[in-house]
Amino acid sequence: MSRYLEAINSPAAQLVAGLPEAVHDHSTGTPSPDPFDYPQLHANLMRVAASFYLMGGNFVKQSDFFKPSLPNYMQKHARQTLSQYIDSLPDDPGFAAFKRAKRPLVEMLFYLLVPYLRQFQWQETVKVKLVMETTDTVNRNIIDFVRNLNVVELLSDDAPLEDADLLVTALDDFVDPGALAALPAHIAKFNWYLDATDGDYRSLFETVYNLFHQKLIATGN
């Protein structure tokens, strides 16, 4: 069925074909590998689009019976991107089923994309610069910890201090006090210790997410 709908360039096939560009336009960089190249994701997207197309809109399905709790930014951003994409479809009769049932369609597409969301880098991020001996194996844990926060953009070693939203450093050891005092007031500083505890990691995590939510408020997201 999916191959037939693609062969005749049906609205269902056109919706799926345009989805990668819509998602990429609202993220930064191109994931490697691109999730949209996965045959199983393409097949599932075609199944959903075909169901809405052939049934003329919404239909009874498993996702009607569960809802995510405490949606995070990435979920909200993905849903917004998908919703804008459906709105952008042509105002032709063939696409009417998608627009008439936009909310449930967006939910279905979203659930299919959930396993791949971390592979996209969204536009609002906290720019973190580690000012420490990054080649030292002692600091490997903090480097890996920061890299694994999906709302963080880890700046390179040679990036200017002014580019950061957050400096993580042993302040007394690596940063000239004069240079530190001259930085804009909005740049947060977090003092790090070689013998950091779980509490230090939690405090750093909370600092990053507070900065992140401040950015969301500033951009209206």
N, C-alpha and C. Protein backbone atom coordinates (compact mmCIF):
# COMPACT_ATOMS: atom_id res chain seq x y z
N MET A 1 0.82 -1.20 0.00
CA MET A 1 0.00 0.00 0.00
C MET A 1 0.87 1.27 0.00
N SER A 2 1.89 1.27 0.86
CA SER A 2 2.76 2.45 0.93
C SER A 2 3.46 2.69 -0.41
N ARG A 3 3.94 1.60 -1.04
CA ARG A 3 4.61 1.74 -2.32
C ARG A 3 3.66 2.29 -3.38
N TYR A 4 2.41 1.84 -3.34
CA TYR A 4 1.42 2.33 -4.30
C TYR A 4 1.16 3.82 -4.09
N LEU A 5 0.99 4.23 -2.82
CA LEU A 5 0.74 5.64 -2.52
C LEU A 5 1.92 6.52 -2.93
N GLU A 6 3.14 5.96 -2.80
CA GLU A 6 4.31 6.71 -3.24
C GLU A 6 4.40 6.76 -4.76
N ALA A 7 4.02 5.67 -5.41
CA ALA A 7 4.10 5.60 -6.87
C ALA A 7 3.17 6.61 -7.53
N ILE A 8 2.00 6.84 -6.92
CA ILE A 8 1.05 7.80 -7.50
C ILE A 8 1.23 9.20 -6.90
N ASN A 9 2.26 9.36 -6.08
CA ASN A 9 2.56 10.64 -5.44
C ASN A 9 1.33 11.19 -4.72
N SER A 10 0.74 10.35 -3.91
CA SER A 10 -0.46 10.73 -3.16
C SER A 10 -0.13 11.79 -2.11
N PRO A 11 -1.12 12.50 -1.59
CA PRO A 11 -0.86 13.45 -0.51
C PRO A 11 -0.17 12.82 0.69
N ALA A 12 -0.48 11.55 0.99
CA ALA A 12 0.19 10.88 2.11
C ALA A 12 1.70 10.79 1.85
N ALA A 13 2.06 10.41 0.62
CA ALA A 13 3.48 10.31 0.27
C ALA A 13 4.15 11.69 0.27
N GLN A 14 3.43 12.71 -0.19
CA GLN A 14 3.99 14.06 -0.21
C GLN A 14 4.21 14.58 1.20
N LEU A 15 3.29 14.28 2.13
CA LEU A 15 3.45 14.70 3.52
C LEU A 15 4.72 14.11 4.12
N VAL A 16 4.93 12.82 3.92
CA VAL A 16 6.11 12.16 4.48
C VAL A 16 7.38 12.66 3.80
N ALA A 17 7.32 12.89 2.50
CA ALA A 17 8.50 13.35 1.76
C ALA A 17 8.95 14.73 2.21
N GLY A 18 8.01 15.59 2.62
CA GLY A 18 8.37 16.94 3.02
C GLY A 18 8.75 17.06 4.48
N LEU A 19 8.50 16.01 5.27
CA LEU A 19 8.74 16.08 6.70
C LEU A 19 10.22 16.26 7.07
N PRO A 20 11.17 15.55 6.43
CA PRO A 20 12.58 15.75 6.81
C PRO A 20 13.05 17.20 6.68
N GLU A 21 12.68 17.86 5.59
CA GLU A 21 13.11 19.24 5.41
C GLU A 21 12.51 20.13 6.49
N ALA A 22 11.24 19.89 6.85
CA ALA A 22 10.58 20.70 7.88
C ALA A 22 11.29 20.56 9.22
N VAL A 23 11.67 19.33 9.59
CA VAL A 23 12.35 19.10 10.86
C VAL A 23 13.76 19.68 10.84
N HIS A 24 14.47 19.46 9.73
CA HIS A 24 15.84 19.98 9.63
C HIS A 24 15.87 21.51 9.67
N ASP A 25 14.84 22.15 9.11
CA ASP A 25 14.80 23.61 9.10
C ASP A 25 14.68 24.18 10.51
N HIS A 26 14.17 23.37 11.44
CA HIS A 26 13.99 23.85 12.81
C HIS A 26 15.02 23.25 13.77
N SER A 27 16.07 22.68 13.23
CA SER A 27 17.17 22.19 14.05
C SER A 27 18.46 22.72 13.45
N THR A 28 19.55 22.59 14.18
CA THR A 28 20.82 23.09 13.69
C THR A 28 21.74 21.92 13.35
N GLY A 29 22.33 21.99 12.18
CA GLY A 29 23.21 20.90 11.74
C GLY A 29 22.40 19.72 11.22
N THR A 30 23.08 18.76 10.66
CA THR A 30 22.44 17.55 10.13
C THR A 30 22.95 16.34 10.89
N PRO A 31 22.05 15.59 11.54
CA PRO A 31 22.50 14.41 12.28
C PRO A 31 23.16 13.40 11.36
N SER A 32 24.09 12.65 11.87
CA SER A 32 24.73 11.59 11.10
C SER A 32 24.79 10.32 11.95
N PRO A 33 24.08 9.27 11.53
CA PRO A 33 23.23 9.20 10.33
C PRO A 33 21.92 9.96 10.52
N ASP A 34 21.32 10.37 9.42
CA ASP A 34 20.05 11.08 9.47
C ASP A 34 18.95 10.08 9.81
N PRO A 35 18.19 10.32 10.90
CA PRO A 35 17.11 9.39 11.27
C PRO A 35 16.12 9.14 10.15
N PHE A 36 15.91 10.14 9.29
CA PHE A 36 14.94 9.96 8.22
C PHE A 36 15.43 8.99 7.14
N ASP A 37 16.68 8.59 7.23
CA ASP A 37 17.19 7.58 6.30
C ASP A 37 16.90 6.16 6.78
N TYR A 38 16.39 6.03 8.02
CA TYR A 38 16.11 4.70 8.55
C TYR A 38 14.85 4.14 7.89
N PRO A 39 14.93 2.99 7.23
CA PRO A 39 13.75 2.42 6.55
C PRO A 39 12.56 2.21 7.48
N GLN A 40 12.83 1.80 8.75
CA GLN A 40 11.71 1.53 9.65
C GLN A 40 10.96 2.80 10.02
N LEU A 41 11.69 3.93 10.17
CA LEU A 41 11.01 5.18 10.47
C LEU A 41 10.18 5.63 9.27
N HIS A 42 10.75 5.53 8.08
CA HIS A 42 10.01 5.91 6.88
C HIS A 42 8.75 5.06 6.73
N ALA A 43 8.87 3.76 6.96
CA ALA A 43 7.72 2.86 6.82
C ALA A 43 6.63 3.23 7.83
N ASN A 44 7.02 3.52 9.07
CA ASN A 44 6.03 3.87 10.10
C ASN A 44 5.37 5.21 9.81
N LEU A 45 6.15 6.17 9.31
CA LEU A 45 5.56 7.45 8.94
C LEU A 45 4.56 7.29 7.81
N MET A 46 4.89 6.44 6.85
CA MET A 46 3.96 6.19 5.73
C MET A 46 2.70 5.50 6.23
N ARG A 47 2.83 4.59 7.18
CA ARG A 47 1.64 3.91 7.72
C ARG A 47 0.69 4.91 8.37
N VAL A 48 1.26 5.82 9.16
CA VAL A 48 0.42 6.81 9.83
C VAL A 48 -0.23 7.75 8.81
N ALA A 49 0.57 8.29 7.90
CA ALA A 49 0.03 9.22 6.90
C ALA A 49 -1.03 8.54 6.04
N ALA A 50 -0.77 7.29 5.64
CA ALA A 50 -1.74 6.55 4.83
C ALA A 50 -3.04 6.33 5.58
N SER A 51 -2.94 6.04 6.88
CA SER A 51 -4.15 5.80 7.68
C SER A 51 -5.01 7.06 7.74
N PHE A 52 -4.38 8.20 8.01
CA PHE A 52 -5.14 9.45 8.06
C PHE A 52 -5.73 9.78 6.69
N TYR A 53 -4.96 9.53 5.65
CA TYR A 53 -5.39 9.83 4.28
C TYR A 53 -6.57 8.95 3.86
N LEU A 54 -6.44 7.66 4.07
CA LEU A 54 -7.46 6.72 3.62
C LEU A 54 -8.71 6.73 4.49
N MET A 55 -8.52 7.03 5.81
CA MET A 55 -9.66 7.07 6.72
C MET A 55 -10.32 8.44 6.76
N GLY A 56 -9.75 9.39 6.05
CA GLY A 56 -10.34 10.72 5.99
C GLY A 56 -10.16 11.55 7.24
N GLY A 57 -9.16 11.20 8.06
CA GLY A 57 -8.91 11.96 9.28
C GLY A 57 -8.50 11.07 10.42
N ASN A 58 -8.92 11.41 11.63
CA ASN A 58 -8.52 10.69 12.83
C ASN A 58 -9.16 9.30 12.88
N PHE A 59 -8.51 8.39 13.59
CA PHE A 59 -9.02 7.02 13.74
C PHE A 59 -8.58 6.50 15.10
N VAL A 60 -9.25 5.48 15.61
CA VAL A 60 -8.92 4.93 16.92
C VAL A 60 -7.56 4.25 16.87
N LYS A 61 -6.71 4.58 17.84
CA LYS A 61 -5.35 4.06 17.85
C LYS A 61 -4.82 4.03 19.28
N GLN A 62 -3.72 3.35 19.48
CA GLN A 62 -3.20 3.14 20.82
C GLN A 62 -2.85 4.44 21.54
N SER A 63 -2.33 5.42 20.81
CA SER A 63 -1.89 6.66 21.47
C SER A 63 -3.05 7.46 22.04
N ASP A 64 -4.31 7.09 21.70
CA ASP A 64 -5.45 7.76 22.30
C ASP A 64 -5.56 7.46 23.80
N PHE A 65 -4.89 6.42 24.25
CA PHE A 65 -5.09 5.94 25.61
C PHE A 65 -3.94 6.27 26.56
N PHE A 66 -2.94 7.01 26.11
CA PHE A 66 -1.89 7.42 27.03
C PHE A 66 -1.36 8.79 26.61
N LYS A 67 -0.97 9.54 27.61
CA LYS A 67 -0.43 10.87 27.39
C LYS A 67 0.87 11.02 28.17
N PRO A 68 1.87 11.68 27.60
CA PRO A 68 3.13 11.89 28.35
C PRO A 68 2.91 12.88 29.48
N SER A 69 3.58 12.68 30.59
CA SER A 69 3.49 13.61 31.71
C SER A 69 4.73 14.48 31.73
N LEU A 70 4.58 15.70 32.23
CA LEU A 70 5.68 16.64 32.34
C LEU A 70 6.47 16.77 31.03
N PRO A 71 5.84 17.20 29.94
CA PRO A 71 6.57 17.31 28.68
C PRO A 71 7.73 18.27 28.79
N ASN A 72 8.88 17.87 28.25
CA ASN A 72 10.04 18.75 28.32
C ASN A 72 10.13 19.62 27.07
N TYR A 73 11.15 20.46 27.03
CA TYR A 73 11.28 21.39 25.91
C TYR A 73 11.37 20.69 24.57
N MET A 74 12.15 19.61 24.51
CA MET A 74 12.35 18.95 23.24
C MET A 74 11.03 18.42 22.68
N GLN A 75 10.16 17.90 23.57
CA GLN A 75 8.86 17.41 23.13
C GLN A 75 8.01 18.57 22.61
N LYS A 76 8.01 19.67 23.34
CA LYS A 76 7.22 20.83 22.93
C LYS A 76 7.71 21.37 21.59
N HIS A 77 9.02 21.47 21.45
CA HIS A 77 9.60 22.01 20.23
C HIS A 77 9.29 21.10 19.04
N ALA A 78 9.39 19.80 19.23
CA ALA A 78 9.11 18.86 18.14
C ALA A 78 7.65 18.94 17.73
N ARG A 79 6.74 18.99 18.69
CA ARG A 79 5.31 19.10 18.37
C ARG A 79 5.03 20.39 17.61
N GLN A 80 5.65 21.49 18.04
CA GLN A 80 5.44 22.77 17.38
C GLN A 80 5.94 22.72 15.94
N THR A 81 7.09 22.10 15.72
CA THR A 81 7.64 21.97 14.38
C THR A 81 6.70 21.16 13.48
N LEU A 82 6.20 20.04 14.02
CA LEU A 82 5.29 19.20 13.24
C LEU A 82 3.99 19.93 12.94
N SER A 83 3.47 20.67 13.92
CA SER A 83 2.23 21.41 13.72
C SER A 83 2.39 22.47 12.64
N GLN A 84 3.51 23.18 12.66
CA GLN A 84 3.76 24.19 11.63
C GLN A 84 3.89 23.56 10.25
N TYR A 85 4.47 22.36 10.22
CA TYR A 85 4.62 21.67 8.94
C TYR A 85 3.25 21.30 8.37
N ILE A 86 2.35 20.77 9.20
CA ILE A 86 1.02 20.41 8.71
C ILE A 86 0.29 21.66 8.23
N ASP A 87 0.43 22.78 8.94
CA ASP A 87 -0.20 24.03 8.53
C ASP A 87 0.30 24.49 7.17
N SER A 88 1.56 24.14 6.85
CA SER A 88 2.16 24.63 5.61
C SER A 88 1.77 23.80 4.38
N LEU A 89 1.08 22.69 4.59
CA LEU A 89 0.69 21.84 3.46
C LEU A 89 -0.29 22.58 2.55
N PRO A 90 -0.34 22.22 1.26
CA PRO A 90 -1.24 22.92 0.33
C PRO A 90 -2.71 22.80 0.77
N ASP A 91 -3.49 23.83 0.44
CA ASP A 91 -4.93 23.82 0.76
C ASP A 91 -5.70 23.09 -0.34
N ASP A 92 -5.27 21.87 -0.63
CA ASP A 92 -5.91 21.04 -1.63
C ASP A 92 -6.79 20.00 -0.95
N PRO A 93 -7.85 19.52 -1.62
CA PRO A 93 -8.72 18.50 -1.02
C PRO A 93 -7.96 17.26 -0.55
N GLY A 94 -6.91 16.88 -1.28
CA GLY A 94 -6.16 15.68 -0.92
C GLY A 94 -5.48 15.78 0.43
N PHE A 95 -5.19 17.00 0.87
CA PHE A 95 -4.51 17.21 2.14
C PHE A 95 -5.48 17.57 3.27
N ALA A 96 -6.78 17.61 2.95
CA ALA A 96 -7.77 18.07 3.93
C ALA A 96 -7.80 17.18 5.16
N ALA A 97 -7.64 15.87 4.99
CA ALA A 97 -7.70 14.96 6.14
C ALA A 97 -6.59 15.24 7.13
N PHE A 98 -5.41 15.61 6.62
CA PHE A 98 -4.29 15.91 7.51
C PHE A 98 -4.56 17.17 8.34
N LYS A 99 -5.12 18.19 7.68
CA LYS A 99 -5.35 19.46 8.37
C LYS A 99 -6.56 19.36 9.31
N ARG A 100 -7.55 18.60 8.89
CA ARG A 100 -8.76 18.47 9.71
C ARG A 100 -8.45 17.74 11.01
N ALA A 101 -7.51 16.82 10.98
CA ALA A 101 -7.15 16.04 12.17
C ALA A 101 -5.70 16.32 12.56
N LYS A 102 -5.33 17.60 12.55
CA LYS A 102 -3.93 17.96 12.77
C LYS A 102 -3.42 17.51 14.13
N ARG A 103 -4.16 17.74 15.18
CA ARG A 103 -3.66 17.42 16.52
C ARG A 103 -3.34 15.94 16.70
N PRO A 104 -4.27 15.03 16.40
CA PRO A 104 -3.91 13.60 16.54
C PRO A 104 -2.82 13.16 15.58
N LEU A 105 -2.77 13.74 14.38
CA LEU A 105 -1.71 13.39 13.43
C LEU A 105 -0.36 13.83 13.97
N VAL A 106 -0.28 15.05 14.52
CA VAL A 106 0.97 15.53 15.10
C VAL A 106 1.41 14.61 16.23
N GLU A 107 0.46 14.15 17.06
CA GLU A 107 0.80 13.25 18.16
C GLU A 107 1.40 11.94 17.63
N MET A 108 0.79 11.39 16.60
CA MET A 108 1.28 10.13 16.04
C MET A 108 2.67 10.30 15.45
N LEU A 109 2.88 11.36 14.68
CA LEU A 109 4.20 11.62 14.10
C LEU A 109 5.23 11.85 15.19
N PHE A 110 4.81 12.56 16.25
CA PHE A 110 5.72 12.84 17.35
C PHE A 110 6.18 11.55 18.02
N TYR A 111 5.24 10.64 18.31
CA TYR A 111 5.61 9.40 18.98
C TYR A 111 6.58 8.57 18.12
N LEU A 112 6.43 8.64 16.81
CA LEU A 112 7.35 7.91 15.93
C LEU A 112 8.75 8.53 15.97
N LEU A 113 8.81 9.83 16.19
CA LEU A 113 10.11 10.53 16.18
C LEU A 113 10.80 10.54 17.54
N VAL A 114 10.07 10.20 18.61
CA VAL A 114 10.64 10.27 19.96
C VAL A 114 12.00 9.58 20.08
N PRO A 115 12.18 8.35 19.56
CA PRO A 115 13.48 7.69 19.73
C PRO A 115 14.64 8.41 19.06
N TYR A 116 14.33 9.35 18.16
CA TYR A 116 15.38 9.99 17.37
C TYR A 116 15.61 11.45 17.77
N LEU A 117 14.82 11.97 18.72
CA LEU A 117 14.90 13.40 19.02
C LEU A 117 16.28 13.83 19.48
N ARG A 118 16.96 12.99 20.24
CA ARG A 118 18.27 13.38 20.77
C ARG A 118 19.32 13.54 19.67
N GLN A 119 19.02 13.03 18.46
CA GLN A 119 19.99 13.15 17.38
C GLN A 119 19.92 14.53 16.70
N PHE A 120 18.88 15.30 17.04
CA PHE A 120 18.78 16.65 16.50
C PHE A 120 19.24 17.65 17.53
N GLN A 121 19.93 18.69 17.09
CA GLN A 121 20.37 19.75 17.98
C GLN A 121 19.42 20.93 17.80
N TRP A 122 18.61 21.20 18.81
CA TRP A 122 17.63 22.28 18.69
C TRP A 122 18.30 23.63 18.86
N GLN A 123 17.56 24.66 18.49
CA GLN A 123 18.18 25.97 18.32
C GLN A 123 18.53 26.66 19.63
N GLU A 124 17.73 26.51 20.68
CA GLU A 124 18.03 27.12 21.96
C GLU A 124 18.90 26.16 22.78
N THR A 125 20.12 26.55 23.03
CA THR A 125 21.03 25.72 23.82
C THR A 125 21.79 26.61 24.80
N VAL A 126 22.34 25.98 25.82
CA VAL A 126 23.21 26.67 26.76
C VAL A 126 24.65 26.42 26.32
N LYS A 127 25.36 27.49 26.02
CA LYS A 127 26.75 27.38 25.57
C LYS A 127 27.66 27.29 26.79
N VAL A 128 28.29 26.15 26.95
CA VAL A 128 29.14 25.90 28.11
C VAL A 128 30.60 25.82 27.67
N LYS A 129 31.46 26.51 28.41
CA LYS A 129 32.89 26.43 28.14
C LYS A 129 33.57 25.88 29.39
N LEU A 130 34.33 24.81 29.22
CA LEU A 130 35.11 24.24 30.31
C LEU A 130 36.51 24.86 30.28
N VAL A 131 36.85 25.59 31.31
CA VAL A 131 38.17 26.22 31.38
C VAL A 131 38.99 25.40 32.37
N MET A 132 39.60 24.36 31.84
CA MET A 132 40.37 23.44 32.66
C MET A 132 41.25 22.60 31.74
N GLU A 133 42.05 21.75 32.32
CA GLU A 133 42.92 20.89 31.51
C GLU A 133 42.08 19.78 30.89
N THR A 134 41.49 20.05 29.72
CA THR A 134 40.56 19.10 29.12
C THR A 134 41.24 17.84 28.62
N THR A 135 42.57 17.84 28.54
CA THR A 135 43.27 16.62 28.13
C THR A 135 43.57 15.72 29.33
N ASP A 136 43.30 16.22 30.50
CA ASP A 136 43.59 15.48 31.73
C ASP A 136 42.51 14.43 31.96
N THR A 137 42.92 13.19 32.14
CA THR A 137 41.94 12.12 32.35
C THR A 137 41.13 12.35 33.62
N VAL A 138 41.66 13.13 34.55
CA VAL A 138 40.93 13.42 35.79
C VAL A 138 39.64 14.18 35.48
N ASN A 139 39.64 14.97 34.42
CA ASN A 139 38.47 15.78 34.08
C ASN A 139 37.55 15.11 33.06
N ARG A 140 37.85 13.88 32.69
CA ARG A 140 37.04 13.20 31.68
C ARG A 140 35.58 13.07 32.10
N ASN A 141 35.32 12.85 33.38
CA ASN A 141 33.94 12.68 33.84
C ASN A 141 33.10 13.93 33.63
N ILE A 142 33.67 15.09 33.95
CA ILE A 142 32.91 16.33 33.78
C ILE A 142 32.70 16.62 32.30
N ILE A 143 33.69 16.32 31.47
CA ILE A 143 33.55 16.54 30.03
C ILE A 143 32.42 15.68 29.48
N ASP A 144 32.42 14.41 29.82
CA ASP A 144 31.38 13.50 29.34
C ASP A 144 30.01 13.90 29.89
N PHE A 145 29.98 14.33 31.15
CA PHE A 145 28.71 14.73 31.76
C PHE A 145 28.08 15.89 31.00
N VAL A 146 28.87 16.91 30.69
CA VAL A 146 28.35 18.08 29.99
C VAL A 146 27.94 17.72 28.57
N ARG A 147 28.73 16.91 27.90
CA ARG A 147 28.41 16.52 26.53
C ARG A 147 27.09 15.76 26.44
N ASN A 148 26.75 15.04 27.48
CA ASN A 148 25.55 14.22 27.45
C ASN A 148 24.28 14.99 27.80
N LEU A 149 24.40 16.27 28.12
CA LEU A 149 23.22 17.09 28.35
C LEU A 149 22.75 17.63 27.01
N ASN A 150 21.56 17.21 26.59
CA ASN A 150 21.14 17.51 25.22
C ASN A 150 20.78 18.97 25.00
N VAL A 151 20.72 19.78 26.05
CA VAL A 151 20.45 21.21 25.86
C VAL A 151 21.73 22.03 25.89
N VAL A 152 22.87 21.36 25.90
CA VAL A 152 24.17 22.04 26.00
C VAL A 152 24.91 22.01 24.68
N GLU A 153 25.52 23.13 24.34
CA GLU A 153 26.51 23.19 23.27
C GLU A 153 27.86 23.40 23.95
N LEU A 154 28.71 22.39 23.87
CA LEU A 154 30.03 22.48 24.51
C LEU A 154 30.98 23.22 23.59
N LEU A 155 31.45 24.38 24.04
CA LEU A 155 32.34 25.20 23.22
C LEU A 155 33.74 24.60 23.18
N SER A 156 34.46 24.90 22.13
CA SER A 156 35.81 24.37 21.97
C SER A 156 36.77 25.04 22.94
N ASP A 157 37.94 24.43 23.09
CA ASP A 157 38.94 24.95 24.02
C ASP A 157 39.38 26.37 23.65
N ASP A 158 39.41 26.67 22.34
CA ASP A 158 39.89 27.98 21.91
C ASP A 158 38.78 29.01 21.73
N ALA A 159 37.56 28.67 22.08
CA ALA A 159 36.45 29.62 21.96
C ALA A 159 36.62 30.75 22.99
N PRO A 160 36.32 31.99 22.62
CA PRO A 160 36.44 33.10 23.58
C PRO A 160 35.53 32.90 24.78
N LEU A 161 35.96 33.37 25.93
CA LEU A 161 35.13 33.27 27.13
C LEU A 161 33.79 33.98 26.93
N GLU A 162 33.80 35.06 26.15
CA GLU A 162 32.59 35.86 25.95
C GLU A 162 31.50 35.11 25.21
N ASP A 163 31.84 34.00 24.52
CA ASP A 163 30.84 33.25 23.77
C ASP A 163 29.99 32.35 24.66
N ALA A 164 30.41 32.17 25.89
CA ALA A 164 29.76 31.20 26.77
C ALA A 164 28.57 31.81 27.52
N ASP A 165 27.60 30.95 27.81
CA ASP A 165 26.55 31.29 28.77
C ASP A 165 26.97 30.87 30.17
N LEU A 166 27.83 29.86 30.22
CA LEU A 166 28.27 29.32 31.50
C LEU A 166 29.74 28.90 31.41
N LEU A 167 30.54 29.37 32.37
CA LEU A 167 31.93 28.94 32.49
C LEU A 167 32.03 27.95 33.64
N VAL A 168 32.60 26.78 33.35
CA VAL A 168 32.83 25.78 34.38
C VAL A 168 34.34 25.66 34.54
N THR A 169 34.84 26.03 35.71
CA THR A 169 36.29 26.08 35.88
C THR A 169 36.68 26.07 37.34
N ALA A 170 37.90 25.72 37.60
CA ALA A 170 38.51 25.97 38.91
C ALA A 170 38.99 27.42 38.86
N LEU A 171 38.15 28.33 39.31
CA LEU A 171 38.35 29.76 39.05
C LEU A 171 39.72 30.26 39.43
N ASP A 172 40.24 29.82 40.54
CA ASP A 172 41.53 30.34 41.02
C ASP A 172 42.71 29.86 40.20
N ASP A 173 42.52 28.76 39.47
CA ASP A 173 43.65 28.13 38.79
C ASP A 173 43.78 28.52 37.32
N PHE A 174 42.65 28.73 36.64
CA PHE A 174 42.71 28.82 35.18
C PHE A 174 42.24 30.13 34.58
N VAL A 175 41.57 30.97 35.34
CA VAL A 175 41.02 32.20 34.78
C VAL A 175 41.68 33.40 35.43
N ASP A 176 42.18 34.32 34.60
CA ASP A 176 42.75 35.56 35.13
C ASP A 176 41.64 36.38 35.77
N PRO A 177 41.81 36.81 37.03
CA PRO A 177 40.75 37.56 37.71
C PRO A 177 40.30 38.79 36.96
N GLY A 178 41.22 39.47 36.32
CA GLY A 178 40.85 40.66 35.56
C GLY A 178 39.97 40.32 34.38
N ALA A 179 40.33 39.24 33.67
CA ALA A 179 39.51 38.81 32.53
C ALA A 179 38.12 38.38 32.99
N LEU A 180 38.07 37.74 34.14
CA LEU A 180 36.79 37.28 34.68
C LEU A 180 35.90 38.46 35.03
N ALA A 181 36.49 39.48 35.67
CA ALA A 181 35.72 40.65 36.07
C ALA A 181 35.21 41.44 34.87
N ALA A 182 35.92 41.34 33.75
CA ALA A 182 35.55 42.11 32.57
C ALA A 182 34.45 41.45 31.75
N LEU A 183 34.07 40.21 32.08
CA LEU A 183 33.06 39.50 31.31
C LEU A 183 31.67 40.10 31.56
N PRO A 184 30.79 40.01 30.58
CA PRO A 184 29.41 40.49 30.77
C PRO A 184 28.75 39.79 31.97
N ALA A 185 27.88 40.50 32.63
CA ALA A 185 27.28 39.99 33.86
C ALA A 185 26.40 38.76 33.63
N HIS A 186 25.88 38.59 32.39
CA HIS A 186 24.96 37.47 32.15
C HIS A 186 25.69 36.13 32.06
N ILE A 187 27.01 36.13 31.94
CA ILE A 187 27.76 34.87 31.86
C ILE A 187 27.89 34.28 33.26
N ALA A 188 27.30 33.11 33.45
CA ALA A 188 27.34 32.46 34.76
C ALA A 188 28.67 31.74 34.96
N LYS A 189 29.09 31.63 36.21
CA LYS A 189 30.34 30.93 36.54
C LYS A 189 30.04 29.81 37.53
N PHE A 190 30.67 28.68 37.28
CA PHE A 190 30.49 27.54 38.18
C PHE A 190 31.86 27.01 38.55
N ASN A 191 32.16 27.04 39.84
CA ASN A 191 33.47 26.59 40.30
C ASN A 191 33.49 25.06 40.42
N TRP A 192 34.51 24.45 39.79
CA TRP A 192 34.58 22.99 39.75
C TRP A 192 35.79 22.49 40.55
N TYR A 193 35.65 21.31 41.10
CA TYR A 193 36.71 20.73 41.92
C TYR A 193 37.09 19.36 41.37
N LEU A 194 38.36 19.02 41.47
CA LEU A 194 38.81 17.72 40.98
C LEU A 194 38.17 16.57 41.76
N ASP A 195 37.83 16.82 43.02
CA ASP A 195 37.20 15.79 43.84
C ASP A 195 35.68 16.01 43.92
N ALA A 196 35.08 16.37 42.79
CA ALA A 196 33.65 16.70 42.76
C ALA A 196 32.81 15.52 43.24
N THR A 197 31.75 15.85 43.96
CA THR A 197 30.83 14.84 44.49
C THR A 197 29.57 14.77 43.63
N ASP A 198 28.70 13.81 43.95
CA ASP A 198 27.41 13.72 43.25
C ASP A 198 26.62 15.02 43.42
N GLY A 199 26.76 15.65 44.60
CA GLY A 199 26.08 16.92 44.84
C GLY A 199 26.56 18.01 43.91
N ASP A 200 27.85 18.01 43.59
CA ASP A 200 28.39 19.00 42.65
C ASP A 200 27.80 18.81 41.25
N TYR A 201 27.70 17.54 40.84
CA TYR A 201 27.12 17.26 39.52
C TYR A 201 25.65 17.69 39.47
N ARG A 202 24.94 17.43 40.55
CA ARG A 202 23.53 17.83 40.59
C ARG A 202 23.40 19.35 40.55
N SER A 203 24.24 20.03 41.27
CA SER A 203 24.21 21.49 41.28
C SER A 203 24.52 22.06 39.90
N LEU A 204 25.50 21.46 39.21
CA LEU A 204 25.82 21.89 37.85
C LEU A 204 24.64 21.64 36.92
N PHE A 205 24.02 20.47 37.05
CA PHE A 205 22.84 20.13 36.23
C PHE A 205 21.75 21.18 36.42
N GLU A 206 21.46 21.53 37.67
CA GLU A 206 20.41 22.51 37.96
C GLU A 206 20.78 23.89 37.41
N THR A 207 22.06 24.23 37.47
CA THR A 207 22.51 25.52 36.93
C THR A 207 22.28 25.58 35.42
N VAL A 208 22.63 24.50 34.72
CA VAL A 208 22.45 24.45 33.27
C VAL A 208 20.97 24.59 32.92
N TYR A 209 20.12 23.86 33.60
CA TYR A 209 18.70 23.89 33.24
C TYR A 209 18.03 25.20 33.65
N ASN A 210 18.50 25.85 34.69
CA ASN A 210 17.98 27.18 35.00
C ASN A 210 18.33 28.17 33.90
N LEU A 211 19.56 28.10 33.41
CA LEU A 211 19.95 28.96 32.30
C LEU A 211 19.14 28.65 31.04
N PHE A 212 18.90 27.38 30.82
CA PHE A 212 18.15 26.95 29.66
C PHE A 212 16.72 27.50 29.71
N HIS A 213 16.07 27.38 30.86
CA HIS A 213 14.70 27.88 30.97
C HIS A 213 14.64 29.40 30.87
N GLN A 214 15.68 30.09 31.32
CA GLN A 214 15.75 31.53 31.13
C GLN A 214 15.77 31.87 29.64
N LYS A 215 16.48 31.06 28.85
CA LYS A 215 16.53 31.29 27.40
C LYS A 215 15.16 31.06 26.78
N LEU A 216 14.46 30.03 27.24
CA LEU A 216 13.14 29.74 26.69
C LEU A 216 12.18 30.89 26.98
N ILE A 217 12.24 31.42 28.19
CA ILE A 217 11.37 32.54 28.56
C ILE A 217 11.70 33.75 27.67
N ALA A 218 12.97 33.98 27.44
CA ALA A 218 13.40 35.14 26.63
C ALA A 218 12.94 35.02 25.19
N THR A 219 12.87 33.77 24.67
CA THR A 219 12.46 33.58 23.27
C THR A 219 10.98 33.31 23.13
N GLY A 220 10.28 33.21 24.26
CA GLY A 220 8.83 32.99 24.21
C GLY A 220 8.44 31.55 23.99
N ASN A 221 9.36 30.59 24.15
CA ASN A 221 9.05 29.18 23.94
C ASN A 221 8.56 28.53 25.23
